[in-house]
Amino acid sequence: MESAARQQSGDPGQGTADRGGPPAPPPGQVLRRWIAERDRTRAAAGPPTQQTDEFRLERAAATALARAAEKQLRLPVFVERLERMGMTLAELPELLPERALLAVVGGRRDALGVVALCPDLLAALIEMQAIGRVTSRPAPPRKPTRTDAAISADFVNALLAELGRECAARDGCPDFGAFRYVTYMDDPRPLSLMLEDGEMTHLSFHFRMGGSGQRDGRLLIALPAEIAPRTDAPPSSGRNQPQLPVAQSAPLAPPPAPASLAETVQQAPIRLTGILCRRRLSLHQLRSLTPGSLLPLTQNVLDEARVETAHGQLLARGRLGEKDGFHAIRLRNIGQDAESAATTPTQDAWRPESFGPPFDGAPPPEQTGLPLADLDHPDAFRLAETMPSMVKAG
């Protein structure tokens, strides 16, 4: 009875001692020992450097893209995949999205790169500025225009600034923050002539846009793989050599003060006004003007455009035209215009038969052409003042 009770008590020490073997460990002790050994092995080996760097860069780039879209346009962006790799300039055309807007960006030392926006991303930027939301309609198949580039320029600058902020302390990353939008292209073929041949860093974003991710988007960034020089101490050889103190650069001298205010005044901004023509209208004609009324202009009015200051001072004349989608005035010889204005003042905009009076706030025209033939004649007003005294004396 006593032996049976002893066996039912389940004393492991007694049972093991009876069998003559070593004492059994407590339950779960083997698993804990194996986990501790695995942790020590991983801590000694360290994490894979390349995988850790790729993961951190992917997270930083995704955060920068989402933050730039939110700050600029309140556009929700959900990054699904990001690819980073090195490439050459010859491989760039094969990686660009189809019919993409190619924003050329410039950095330090005239370095050039490209940011490619797919048509869906460009359509989302336009919709957020026009109606404040992203629709699920597919982007129309068309070539990007100058207006599209102007709409997306701020977004490109914001994205590069956010990437530069997120990757500022990263080794092996381009200086994203030093690049800014320069111009745009709708054809990738001239890129091989504009960009410098060499190693480039390629970032490709695949993401969804909109509150419910109703539209897919793709964005590509290709920048020169130039790394800023590090200021660390040079590596020493295997021998124990004394560390030399790092030479500190001399403090920069303050810029020389200008000798006078002339240089500062020369940099003051001046607002100029382009005047095509001035017309003189009667009150009856002015009151009879309605939407769609035609105002006849003088002949050769395009060749007589004027450039004036805010106070109406004539600076130059020229021909009105167009340059890069904007109105422009091709100036003529300013010296000849000044001489003609001095010799024939009635040819300015003050001609009563063709032009009206100057705009509000403009000074009256200088009366430089008045005759001075009576300069030597006696002053009649002063003679009138002396007449009473002469009469009394008589």
Foldseek 3Di string as FASTA:
>chain_A
DVVVVVVVVVDQVVVCVVVVHDGDDDPPPVVVVVVVVVVVVDVVVDDDPVVVQVVLLVVLLQVLLQVLCCVPQNKGKFFDDKDKDKDWPVCVVVPAEPLWKWFWKAFPPRAIWTKTWHQQRLVQLVCSVPPNFHDLDDGDPDHDDQVSCVSCQSSQLSSLCSSQVSCVPPPQDDNSNRMGTDGIDRDCVCVVVNHDTDMKMKMKTWIFIGPVRSGIIIMMIIGRRDDDDDPDDDDDDPDDDDDDDDDDDDDDDDDDDDPDCPVVVVPDDFDKDKAQAAFDDDPVVVVPDDPPDDDDADPPSQAFIFIAGPQGHTQFGFGWDDDPHDIDGDTDDRVVVVVVCLVDVCPPQPPNVHHHADDPNHDHDDPPPDDPPCVVPDDPVVVVVCVVVVVVVD
